[in-house]
Protein backbone atom coordinates (compact mmCIF):
# COMPACT_ATOMS: atom_id res chain seq x y z
CA MET A 1 -3.20 6.11 15.73
CA ASN A 2 -6.60 6.07 16.63
CA PRO A 3 -7.13 3.10 19.00
CA ALA A 4 -11.12 3.18 18.15
CA LEU A 5 -10.11 1.81 14.50
CA LEU A 6 -9.45 -1.45 13.68
CA PHE A 7 -5.74 -2.72 12.91
CA GLU A 8 -4.61 -6.27 12.78
CA PHE A 9 -1.78 -7.71 11.22
CA THR A 10 -1.03 -11.40 10.50
CA ILE A 11 1.86 -13.31 9.41
CA ASN A 12 1.13 -16.82 8.12
CA ARG A 13 4.58 -18.50 7.30
CA GLU A 14 3.32 -21.62 6.32
CA ASN A 15 1.18 -19.97 2.95
CA ASN A 16 3.83 -16.90 2.72
CA THR A 17 1.31 -14.41 3.43
CA ILE A 18 0.64 -11.21 5.42
CA HIS A 19 -2.79 -10.46 6.01
CA ILE A 20 -3.45 -6.90 7.38
CA ILE A 21 -7.14 -5.23 8.37
CA ARG A 22 -7.14 -1.72 8.69
CA GLU A 23 -10.10 0.45 9.33
CA PHE A 24 -10.43 4.69 8.28
CA ASP A 25 -12.80 6.68 9.78
CA ALA A 26 -14.33 8.04 6.30
CA ASN A 27 -16.77 7.02 3.69
CA LEU A 28 -15.98 4.79 1.05
CA GLU A 29 -15.23 7.16 -2.14
CA LEU A 30 -12.43 9.24 -0.03
CA VAL A 31 -10.82 5.99 0.96
CA TRP A 32 -10.94 4.46 -2.32
CA GLN A 33 -9.57 8.00 -3.95
CA ALA A 34 -6.68 8.04 -1.60
CA TRP A 35 -5.71 4.46 -2.40
CA THR A 36 -5.79 4.77 -6.24
CA THR A 37 -4.97 8.81 -6.78
CA PRO A 38 -1.31 9.23 -7.34
CA GLU A 39 -1.61 12.99 -5.67
CA LEU A 40 -3.36 11.51 -2.67
CA LEU A 41 -0.80 8.55 -2.75
CA ASP A 42 2.03 10.96 -2.40
CA GLN A 43 0.88 12.33 0.77
CA TRP A 44 0.66 9.06 2.83
CA TRP A 45 2.36 6.28 1.27
CA GLY A 46 5.92 6.34 2.49
CA PRO A 47 6.80 6.66 6.24
CA GLN A 48 7.80 9.76 7.41
CA PRO A 49 10.75 11.14 7.03
CA TRP A 50 10.76 9.35 3.48
CA ARG A 51 8.23 10.13 0.87
CA ALA A 52 6.04 8.61 -1.69
CA GLU A 53 6.88 10.40 -5.15
CA THR A 54 4.91 9.07 -8.46
CA LYS A 55 6.59 8.92 -11.69
CA THR A 56 3.32 7.06 -13.48
CA MET A 57 0.09 6.11 -12.82
CA ASP A 58 -2.35 4.25 -14.98
CA PHE A 59 -4.57 3.04 -12.76
CA ARG A 60 -6.36 0.29 -14.56
CA GLU A 61 -6.49 -3.35 -15.21
CA GLY A 62 -3.10 -3.77 -17.45
CA GLY A 63 -1.76 -0.72 -15.82
CA PHE A 64 0.69 -0.16 -13.49
CA TRP A 65 2.07 2.75 -10.83
CA LEU A 66 5.98 3.20 -10.81
CA TYR A 67 6.69 5.64 -7.78
CA ALA A 68 9.81 6.08 -5.93
CA MET A 69 10.56 6.14 -2.26
CA VAL A 70 12.65 9.45 -1.58
CA SER A 71 14.97 9.81 1.13
CA PRO A 72 15.23 13.72 2.75
CA GLU A 73 18.60 13.33 1.15
CA GLY A 74 16.82 12.81 -2.48
CA GLU A 75 17.73 9.22 -2.74
CA LYS A 76 15.44 7.68 -4.53
CA HIS A 77 14.16 3.75 -4.38
CA TYR A 78 11.57 2.81 -7.19
CA SER A 79 9.27 0.12 -6.99
CA LYS A 80 6.44 -1.04 -9.47
CA ALA A 81 2.97 -2.40 -8.60
CA ASN A 82 0.94 -3.74 -11.99
CA PHE A 83 -2.68 -3.59 -11.51
CA THR A 84 -4.00 -7.11 -12.02
CA SER A 85 -7.81 -6.69 -11.60
CA ILE A 86 -9.82 -3.70 -10.54
CA VAL A 87 -13.61 -3.07 -9.52
CA LYS A 88 -14.61 0.38 -8.40
CA GLU A 89 -15.01 1.23 -4.81
CA LYS A 90 -14.59 -2.81 -4.08
CA SER A 91 -11.30 -4.20 -4.60
CA PHE A 92 -7.70 -4.01 -6.64
CA ALA A 93 -4.94 -6.59 -7.27
CA SER A 94 -1.50 -5.59 -7.89
CA LYS A 95 1.71 -7.89 -8.51
CA GLY A 96 4.93 -6.09 -7.56
CA GLY A 97 8.14 -5.40 -6.26
CA PHE A 98 11.42 -3.25 -6.22
CA SER A 99 12.61 -2.05 -9.60
CA ASP A 100 14.63 0.41 -10.99
CA GLU A 101 13.34 4.52 -12.39
CA ASN A 102 12.09 2.44 -15.83
CA GLY A 103 10.19 -0.45 -14.29
CA THR A 104 12.00 -3.17 -14.52
CA ILE A 105 11.54 -5.49 -11.47
CA ASN A 106 14.72 -6.34 -8.95
CA PRO A 107 14.54 -9.75 -8.55
CA ALA A 108 17.05 -9.44 -5.45
CA PHE A 109 14.26 -8.03 -3.56
CA PRO A 110 10.97 -9.68 -2.51
CA GLN A 111 7.62 -9.11 -4.60
CA ASN A 112 4.44 -10.03 -3.56
CA LEU A 113 0.65 -10.18 -4.85
CA TRP A 114 -1.23 -7.74 -3.19
CA GLU A 115 -5.14 -7.91 -2.68
CA ASN A 116 -7.23 -4.75 -1.31
CA ASN A 117 -10.40 -5.23 -0.54
CA PHE A 118 -12.67 -2.05 0.54
CA ILE A 119 -15.66 -2.82 3.11
CA PRO A 120 -18.23 0.16 3.92
CA SER A 121 -19.02 -0.20 7.61
CA GLY A 122 -21.22 2.68 8.89
CA ASN A 123 -19.54 5.89 8.21
CA LYS A 124 -16.23 3.79 8.17
CA VAL A 125 -14.19 1.89 5.40
CA ARG A 126 -12.13 -1.50 6.51
CA VAL A 127 -9.30 -2.42 3.64
CA ASP A 128 -8.71 -5.88 4.25
CA MET A 129 -5.34 -6.70 2.73
CA LEU A 130 -3.55 -9.76 1.47
CA LEU A 131 -0.01 -10.05 0.91
CA THR A 132 1.35 -13.35 -1.08
CA TYR A 133 5.24 -13.71 -1.47
CA ASP A 134 6.76 -16.16 -3.67
CA THR A 135 8.84 -17.61 -1.36
CA LEU A 136 9.13 -17.59 2.52
CA ALA A 137 12.27 -15.92 2.11
CA ASP A 138 10.67 -13.24 0.73
CA LEU A 139 8.27 -12.81 3.29
CA GLU A 140 11.11 -12.99 6.51
CA LYS A 141 13.12 -10.35 3.91
CA GLU A 142 10.07 -7.77 3.54
CA ILE A 143 9.35 -8.23 7.47
CA GLU A 144 13.06 -7.51 8.39
CA MET A 145 12.82 -4.48 6.19
CA GLY A 146 10.44 -2.98 8.45
CA PHE A 147 7.22 -3.71 6.55
CA LYS A 148 4.87 -3.64 9.25
CA GLU A 149 6.43 -0.56 11.03
CA GLY A 150 6.34 1.26 7.53
CA MET A 151 2.81 0.46 7.06
CA THR A 152 1.59 1.45 10.47
CA ILE A 153 3.29 5.03 9.99
CA ASP A 154 1.44 5.27 6.59
CA PHE A 155 -2.12 4.62 8.04
CA ASP A 156 -1.39 6.97 10.93
CA GLN A 157 -0.34 9.31 7.85
CA LEU A 158 -3.51 8.46 5.95
CA ASP A 159 -5.68 8.59 8.45
CA LYS A 160 -4.49 12.48 9.16
CA LEU A 161 -5.01 12.98 5.38
CA LEU A 162 -8.59 11.72 5.46
CA LEU A 163 -9.45 13.92 8.57
CA ARG A 164 -7.89 16.98 6.14
CA LEU A 165 -9.73 15.97 3.19
CA LYS A 166 -13.21 15.47 4.88
CA LYS A 167 -13.45 19.38 6.30
């Protein structure tokens, strides 16, 4: 990770939330596209050696993103995010969690409301993320599953993708 880029990761067990602030060295349009375009998401979402594979993405309020995390051996774990609000190049929110390949949410795994706000600052963009879990147990399970470590790798992969796209 570029140490000059802001990265904050705060767990609030009283409110069942994870608050992440991450800065990216690219313009708003490019950062927004990287978060909302399946062909770009598949290049950075999912910590290596795993990778994301979009099955369906309908990026609109009421739409959803259904994707698989694919292991190097081809094992697939699906997740679904239902988009609840979208304000172009400003914010979007989704509710979801692990699912089957048809998008049926698996209640045995944590679900969350994920709110992203995109804040331009000079030639960089800060993405302010708030993840809210239904229960403390869900929050704890997500943390135990390596969420912070996985997102750290994802963001580093996004940094590299943005660098390539800027050229």
